[in-house]
PDB file of N, CA and C in Angstrom:
ATOM      1  N   MET A   1      -0.168   0.742  15.329  1.00  0.00           N
ATOM      2  CA  MET A   1       0.497  -0.534  14.996  1.00  0.00           C
ATOM      3  C   MET A   1       0.203  -0.906  13.541  1.00  0.00           C
ATOM      4  N   GLU A   2      -1.093  -0.917  13.199  1.00  0.00           N
ATOM      5  CA  GLU A   2      -1.476  -1.251  11.820  1.00  0.00           C
ATOM      6  C   GLU A   2      -0.827  -0.283  10.840  1.00  0.00           C
ATOM      7  N   GLU A   3      -0.875   1.001  11.199  1.00  0.00           N
ATOM      8  CA  GLU A   3      -0.280   2.025  10.344  1.00  0.00           C
ATOM      9  C   GLU A   3       1.154   1.653  10.032  1.00  0.00           C
ATOM     10  N   TRP A   4       1.891   1.330  11.085  1.00  0.00           N
ATOM     11  CA  TRP A   4       3.304   1.033  10.942  1.00  0.00           C
ATOM     12  C   TRP A   4       3.528  -0.168  10.027  1.00  0.00           C
ATOM     13  N   LYS A   5       2.704  -1.186  10.211  1.00  0.00           N
ATOM     14  CA  LYS A   5       2.838  -2.387   9.384  1.00  0.00           C
ATOM     15  C   LYS A   5       2.663  -2.039   7.913  1.00  0.00           C
ATOM     16  N   MET A   6       1.688  -1.186   7.644  1.00  0.00           N
ATOM     17  CA  MET A   6       1.418  -0.785   6.270  1.00  0.00           C
ATOM     18  C   MET A   6       2.626  -0.053   5.694  1.00  0.00           C
ATOM     19  N   GLU A   7       3.191   0.860   6.481  1.00  0.00           N
ATOM     20  CA  GLU A   7       4.367   1.604   6.031  1.00  0.00           C
ATOM     21  C   GLU A   7       5.498   0.636   5.745  1.00  0.00           C
ATOM     22  N   LYS A   8       5.689  -0.333   6.636  1.00  0.00           N
ATOM     23  CA  LYS A   8       6.766  -1.302   6.459  1.00  0.00           C
ATOM     24  C   LYS A   8       6.567  -2.063   5.157  1.00  0.00           C
ATOM     25  N   MET A   9       5.324  -2.455   4.890  1.00  0.00           N
ATOM     26  CA  MET A   9       5.028  -3.159   3.646  1.00  0.00           C
ATOM     27  C   MET A   9       5.408  -2.293   2.460  1.00  0.00           C
ATOM     28  N   CYS A  10       5.095  -1.017   2.553  1.00  0.00           N
ATOM     29  CA  CYS A  10       5.422  -0.092   1.472  1.00  0.00           C
ATOM     30  C   CYS A  10       6.929  -0.037   1.278  1.00  0.00           C
ATOM     31  N   MET A  11       7.663   0.005   2.357  1.00  0.00           N
ATOM     32  CA  MET A  11       9.116   0.038   2.268  1.00  0.00           C
ATOM     33  C   MET A  11       9.616  -1.233   1.586  1.00  0.00           C
ATOM     34  N   ASP A  12       9.075  -2.367   2.001  1.00  0.00           N
ATOM     35  CA  ASP A  12       9.480  -3.635   1.409  1.00  0.00           C
ATOM     36  C   ASP A  12       9.155  -3.667  -0.076  1.00  0.00           C
ATOM     37  N   MET A  13       8.066  -3.042  -0.445  1.00  0.00           N
ATOM     38  CA  MET A  13       7.632  -3.047  -1.835  1.00  0.00           C
ATOM     39  C   MET A  13       8.671  -2.410  -2.743  1.00  0.00           C
ATOM     40  N   MET A  14       9.441  -1.488  -2.197  1.00  0.00           N
ATOM     41  CA  MET A  14      10.431  -0.801  -3.015  1.00  0.00           C
ATOM     42  C   MET A  14      11.478  -1.766  -3.547  1.00  0.00           C
ATOM     43  N   MET A  15      11.671  -2.856  -2.829  1.00  0.00           N
ATOM     44  CA  MET A  15      12.686  -3.822  -3.227  1.00  0.00           C
ATOM     45  C   MET A  15      12.150  -4.800  -4.275  1.00  0.00           C
ATOM     46  N   MET A  16      10.857  -4.734  -4.523  1.00  0.00           N
ATOM     47  CA  MET A  16      10.245  -5.711  -5.418  1.00  0.00           C
ATOM     48  C   MET A  16      10.161  -5.220  -6.851  1.00  0.00           C
ATOM     49  N   THR A  17       9.916  -6.152  -7.730  1.00  0.00           N
ATOM     50  CA  THR A  17       9.652  -5.785  -9.118  1.00  0.00           C
ATOM     51  C   THR A  17       8.256  -5.197  -9.190  1.00  0.00           C
ATOM     52  N   CYS A  18       7.958  -4.604 -10.310  1.00  0.00           N
ATOM     53  CA  CYS A  18       6.658  -3.962 -10.492  1.00  0.00           C
ATOM     54  C   CYS A  18       5.531  -4.980 -10.306  1.00  0.00           C
ATOM     55  N   MET A  19       5.699  -6.159 -10.855  1.00  0.00           N
ATOM     56  CA  MET A  19       4.663  -7.181 -10.791  1.00  0.00           C
ATOM     57  C   MET A  19       4.414  -7.595  -9.347  1.00  0.00           C
ATOM     58  N   GLU A  20       5.497  -7.879  -8.630  1.00  0.00           N
ATOM     59  CA  GLU A  20       5.362  -8.299  -7.240  1.00  0.00           C
ATOM     60  C   GLU A  20       4.680  -7.214  -6.430  1.00  0.00           C
ATOM     61  N   ARG A  21       5.032  -5.971  -6.747  1.00  0.00           N
ATOM     62  CA  ARG A  21       4.477  -4.835  -6.039  1.00  0.00           C
ATOM     63  C   ARG A  21       2.963  -4.782  -6.229  1.00  0.00           C
ATOM     64  N   MET A  22       2.537  -4.984  -7.465  1.00  0.00           N
ATOM     65  CA  MET A  22       1.109  -4.970  -7.758  1.00  0.00           C
ATOM     66  C   MET A  22       0.394  -6.059  -6.970  1.00  0.00           C
ATOM     67  N   MET A  23       0.967  -7.246  -6.966  1.00  0.00           N
ATOM     68  CA  MET A  23       0.371  -8.363  -6.242  1.00  0.00           C
ATOM     69  C   MET A  23       0.258  -8.018  -4.761  1.00  0.00           C
ATOM     70  N   CYS A  24       1.321  -7.425  -4.236  1.00  0.00           N
ATOM     71  CA  CYS A  24       1.358  -7.066  -2.821  1.00  0.00           C
ATOM     72  C   CYS A  24       0.274  -6.039  -2.509  1.00  0.00           C
ATOM     73  N   GLU A  25       0.109  -5.059  -3.378  1.00  0.00           N
ATOM     74  CA  GLU A  25      -0.899  -4.027  -3.158  1.00  0.00           C
ATOM     75  C   GLU A  25      -2.298  -4.622  -3.209  1.00  0.00           C
ATOM     76  N   MET A  26      -2.501  -5.541  -4.148  1.00  0.00           N
ATOM     77  CA  MET A  26      -3.795  -6.201  -4.264  1.00  0.00           C
ATOM     78  C   MET A  26      -4.095  -6.957  -2.974  1.00  0.00           C
ATOM     79  N   THR A  27      -3.098  -7.678  -2.472  1.00  0.00           N
ATOM     80  CA  THR A  27      -3.273  -8.443  -1.243  1.00  0.00           C
ATOM     81  C   THR A  27      -3.599  -7.519  -0.084  1.00  0.00           C
ATOM     82  N   ASN A  28      -2.849  -6.430   0.005  1.00  0.00           N
ATOM     83  CA  ASN A  28      -3.103  -5.452   1.068  1.00  0.00           C
ATOM     84  C   ASN A  28      -4.533  -4.964   1.006  1.00  0.00           C
ATOM     85  N   MET A  29      -4.984  -4.624  -0.182  1.00  0.00           N
ATOM     86  CA  MET A  29      -6.329  -4.113  -0.353  1.00  0.00           C
ATOM     87  C   MET A  29      -7.362  -5.152   0.045  1.00  0.00           C
ATOM     88  N   LYS A  30      -7.143  -6.384  -0.368  1.00  0.00           N
ATOM     89  CA  LYS A  30      -8.082  -7.453  -0.042  1.00  0.00           C
ATOM     90  C   LYS A  30      -8.151  -7.638   1.475  1.00  0.00           C
ATOM     91  N   MET A  31      -6.994  -7.647   2.118  1.00  0.00           N
ATOM     92  CA  MET A  31      -6.969  -7.809   3.566  1.00  0.00           C
ATOM     93  C   MET A  31      -7.739  -6.687   4.247  1.00  0.00           C
ATOM     94  N   MET A  32      -7.512  -5.465   3.798  1.00  0.00           N
ATOM     95  CA  MET A  32      -8.188  -4.327   4.403  1.00  0.00           C
ATOM     96  C   MET A  32      -9.691  -4.399   4.173  1.00  0.00           C
ATOM     97  N   MET A  33     -10.081  -4.823   2.987  1.00  0.00           N
ATOM     98  CA  MET A  33     -11.502  -4.938   2.683  1.00  0.00           C
ATOM     99  C   MET A  33     -12.134  -6.022   3.538  1.00  0.00           C
ATOM    100  N   ASP A  34     -11.434  -7.140   3.672  1.00  0.00           N
ATOM    101  CA  ASP A  34     -11.945  -8.224   4.510  1.00  0.00           C
ATOM    102  C   ASP A  34     -12.133  -7.739   5.940  1.00  0.00           C
ATOM    103  N   LYS A  35     -11.120  -7.022   6.434  1.00  0.00           N
ATOM    104  CA  LYS A  35     -11.170  -6.531   7.801  1.00  0.00           C
ATOM    105  C   LYS A  35     -12.344  -5.570   7.970  1.00  0.00           C
ATOM    106  N   ALA A  36     -12.494  -4.674   7.009  1.00  0.00           N
ATOM    107  CA  ALA A  36     -13.577  -3.695   7.067  1.00  0.00           C
ATOM    108  C   ALA A  36     -14.919  -4.415   7.038  1.00  0.00           C
ATOM    109  N   TYR A  37     -15.004  -5.464   6.224  1.00  0.00           N
ATOM    110  CA  TYR A  37     -16.246  -6.228   6.114  1.00  0.00           C
ATOM    111  C   TYR A  37     -16.562  -6.898   7.444  1.00  0.00           C
ATOM    112  N   GLU A  38     -15.538  -7.492   8.048  1.00  0.00           N
ATOM    113  CA  GLU A  38     -15.722  -8.164   9.333  1.00  0.00           C
ATOM    114  C   GLU A  38     -16.225  -7.182  10.382  1.00  0.00           C
ATOM    115  N   MET A  39     -15.654  -6.008  10.384  1.00  0.00           N
ATOM    116  CA  MET A  39     -16.014  -5.014  11.384  1.00  0.00           C
ATOM    117  C   MET A  39     -17.259  -4.239  10.981  1.00  0.00           C
ATOM    118  N   ASN A  40     -17.828  -4.611   9.810  1.00  0.00           N
ATOM    119  CA  ASN A  40     -19.055  -3.960   9.347  1.00  0.00           C
ATOM    120  C   ASN A  40     -18.880  -2.457   9.187  1.00  0.00           C
ATOM    121  N   MET A  41     -17.719  -2.068   8.702  1.00  0.00           N
ATOM    122  CA  MET A  41     -17.451  -0.648   8.549  1.00  0.00           C
ATOM    123  C   MET A  41     -18.087  -0.101   7.281  1.00  0.00           C
ATOM    124  N   GLU A  42     -18.182   1.205   7.234  1.00  0.00           N
ATOM    125  CA  GLU A  42     -18.684   1.864   6.034  1.00  0.00           C
ATOM    126  C   GLU A  42     -17.592   1.758   4.976  1.00  0.00           C
ATOM    127  N   MET A  43     -17.886   1.023   3.916  1.00  0.00           N
ATOM    128  CA  MET A  43     -16.850   0.681   2.947  1.00  0.00           C
ATOM    129  C   MET A  43     -16.300   1.890   2.202  1.00  0.00           C
ATOM    130  N   ASN A  44     -17.161   2.851   1.873  1.00  0.00           N
ATOM    131  CA  ASN A  44     -16.716   3.993   1.087  1.00  0.00           C
ATOM    132  C   ASN A  44     -15.569   4.729   1.754  1.00  0.00           C
ATOM    133  N   MET A  45     -15.755   5.040   3.023  1.00  0.00           N
ATOM    134  CA  MET A  45     -14.736   5.750   3.774  1.00  0.00           C
ATOM    135  C   MET A  45     -13.442   4.945   3.795  1.00  0.00           C
ATOM    136  N   ASP A  46     -13.590   3.648   4.031  1.00  0.00           N
ATOM    137  CA  ASP A  46     -12.424   2.793   4.135  1.00  0.00           C
ATOM    138  C   ASP A  46     -11.659   2.752   2.817  1.00  0.00           C
ATOM    139  N   MET A  47     -12.383   2.663   1.720  1.00  0.00           N
ATOM    140  CA  MET A  47     -11.731   2.608   0.415  1.00  0.00           C
ATOM    141  C   MET A  47     -10.908   3.862   0.177  1.00  0.00           C
ATOM    142  N   ASP A  48     -11.429   4.999   0.614  1.00  0.00           N
ATOM    143  CA  ASP A  48     -10.682   6.244   0.467  1.00  0.00           C
ATOM    144  C   ASP A  48      -9.357   6.155   1.205  1.00  0.00           C
ATOM    145  N   GLN A  49      -9.408   5.613   2.398  1.00  0.00           N
ATOM    146  CA  GLN A  49      -8.186   5.475   3.187  1.00  0.00           C
ATOM    147  C   GLN A  49      -7.201   4.551   2.486  1.00  0.00           C
ATOM    148  N   VAL A  50      -7.715   3.431   1.992  1.00  0.00           N
ATOM    149  CA  VAL A  50      -6.852   2.481   1.291  1.00  0.00           C
ATOM    150  C   VAL A  50      -6.212   3.154   0.089  1.00  0.00           C
ATOM    151  N   MET A  51      -7.027   3.863  -0.672  1.00  0.00           N
ATOM    152  CA  MET A  51      -6.536   4.514  -1.877  1.00  0.00           C
ATOM    153  C   MET A  51      -5.458   5.537  -1.555  1.00  0.00           C
ATOM    154  N   SER A  52      -5.690   6.351  -0.538  1.00  0.00           N
ATOM    155  CA  SER A  52      -4.705   7.372  -0.201  1.00  0.00           C
ATOM    156  C   SER A  52      -3.417   6.720   0.296  1.00  0.00           C
ATOM    157  N   LYS A  53      -3.548   5.608   1.014  1.00  0.00           N
ATOM    158  CA  LYS A  53      -2.358   4.887   1.467  1.00  0.00           C
ATOM    159  C   LYS A  53      -1.570   4.374   0.275  1.00  0.00           C
ATOM    160  N   MET A  54      -2.282   3.762  -0.662  1.00  0.00           N
ATOM    161  CA  MET A  54      -1.610   3.212  -1.833  1.00  0.00           C
ATOM    162  C   MET A  54      -0.989   4.327  -2.658  1.00  0.00           C
ATOM    163  N   HIS A  55      -1.680   5.452  -2.717  1.00  0.00           N
ATOM    164  CA  HIS A  55      -1.167   6.589  -3.468  1.00  0.00           C
ATOM    165  C   HIS A  55       0.126   7.093  -2.829  1.00  0.00           C
ATOM    166  N   LYS A  56       0.117   7.210  -1.512  1.00  0.00           N
ATOM    167  CA  LYS A  56       1.309   7.636  -0.787  1.00  0.00           C
ATOM    168  C   LYS A  56       2.448   6.663  -1.041  1.00  0.00           C
ATOM    169  N   CYS A  57       2.100   5.394  -0.988  1.00  0.00           N
ATOM    170  CA  CYS A  57       3.081   4.341  -1.203  1.00  0.00           C
ATOM    171  C   CYS A  57       3.700   4.476  -2.589  1.00  0.00           C
ATOM    172  N   ASN A  58       2.874   4.677  -3.593  1.00  0.00           N
ATOM    173  CA  ASN A  58       3.361   4.822  -4.962  1.00  0.00           C
ATOM    174  C   ASN A  58       4.245   6.042  -5.110  1.00  0.00           C
ATOM    175  N   GLU A  59       3.848   7.136  -4.480  1.00  0.00           N
ATOM    176  CA  GLU A  59       4.650   8.356  -4.536  1.00  0.00           C
ATOM    177  C   GLU A  59       6.014   8.116  -3.921  1.00  0.00           C
ATOM    178  N   MET A  60       6.007   7.427  -2.781  1.00  0.00           N
ATOM    179  CA  MET A  60       7.244   7.125  -2.085  1.00  0.00           C
ATOM    180  C   MET A  60       8.149   6.290  -2.979  1.00  0.00           C
ATOM    181  N   MET A  61       7.565   5.292  -3.622  1.00  0.00           N
ATOM    182  CA  MET A  61       8.329   4.413  -4.490  1.00  0.00           C
ATOM    183  C   MET A  61       8.890   5.179  -5.667  1.00  0.00           C
ATOM    184  N   THR A  62       8.086   6.044  -6.246  1.00  0.00           N
ATOM    185  CA  THR A  62       8.531   6.823  -7.394  1.00  0.00           C
ATOM    186  C   THR A  62       9.740   7.660  -7.019  1.00  0.00           C
ATOM    187  N   SER A  63       9.681   8.313  -5.872  1.00  0.00           N
ATOM    188  CA  SER A  63      10.811   9.139  -5.464  1.00  0.00           C
ATOM    189  C   SER A  63      12.027   8.268  -5.163  1.00  0.00           C
ATOM    190  N   MET A  64      11.806   7.078  -4.611  1.00  0.00           N
ATOM    191  CA  MET A  64      12.910   6.157  -4.362  1.00  0.00           C
ATOM    192  C   MET A  64      13.566   5.763  -5.676  1.00  0.00           C
ATOM    193  N   MET A  65      12.740   5.421  -6.657  1.00  0.00           N
ATOM    194  CA  MET A  65      13.248   5.002  -7.958  1.00  0.00           C
ATOM    195  C   MET A  65      14.104   6.101  -8.577  1.00  0.00           C
ATOM    196  N   SER A  66      13.616   7.321  -8.546  1.00  0.00           N
ATOM    197  CA  SER A  66      14.363   8.413  -9.163  1.00  0.00           C
ATOM    198  C   SER A  66      15.662   8.663  -8.391  1.00  0.00           C
ATOM    199  N   MET A  67      15.639   8.435  -7.085  1.00  0.00           N
ATOM    200  CA  MET A  67      16.871   8.578  -6.311  1.00  0.00           C
ATOM    201  C   MET A  67      17.876   7.525  -6.737  1.00  0.00           C
ATOM    202  N   LYS A  68      17.394   6.305  -6.920  1.00  0.00           N
ATOM    203  CA  LYS A  68      18.271   5.217  -7.356  1.00  0.00           C
ATOM    204  C   LYS A  68      18.905   5.550  -8.694  1.00  0.00           C
ATOM    205  N   GLU A  69      18.092   6.065  -9.610  1.00  0.00           N
ATOM    206  CA  GLU A  69      18.587   6.364 -10.949  1.00  0.00           C
ATOM    207  C   GLU A  69      19.658   7.444 -10.922  1.00  0.00           C
ATOM    208  N   ASN A  70      19.603   8.301  -9.922  1.00  0.00           N
ATOM    209  CA  ASN A  70      20.565   9.391  -9.853  1.00  0.00           C
ATOM    210  C   ASN A  70      21.945   8.943  -9.399  1.00  0.00           C
ATOM    211  N   TYR A  71      22.010   7.755  -8.837  1.00  0.00           N
ATOM    212  CA  TYR A  71      23.305   7.273  -8.361  1.00  0.00           C
ATOM    213  C   TYR A  71      24.248   6.970  -9.506  1.00  0.00           C
TER     214      TYR A  71
END
């Protein structure tokens, strides 16, 4: 469920400007960090997951952008 929500957010991010996207990513990261803190999780591992998610998201957006430009 959480996974899906994150993906959906990434999809929505494609419609945003660069600035809005950054804000959204920051918020996502903060939420995840808060959640990890609440659950007393090992932060290092969690940060890796967050980073890879954001990286995937950025890659997805980049490919979307280049697709748009090709139209």
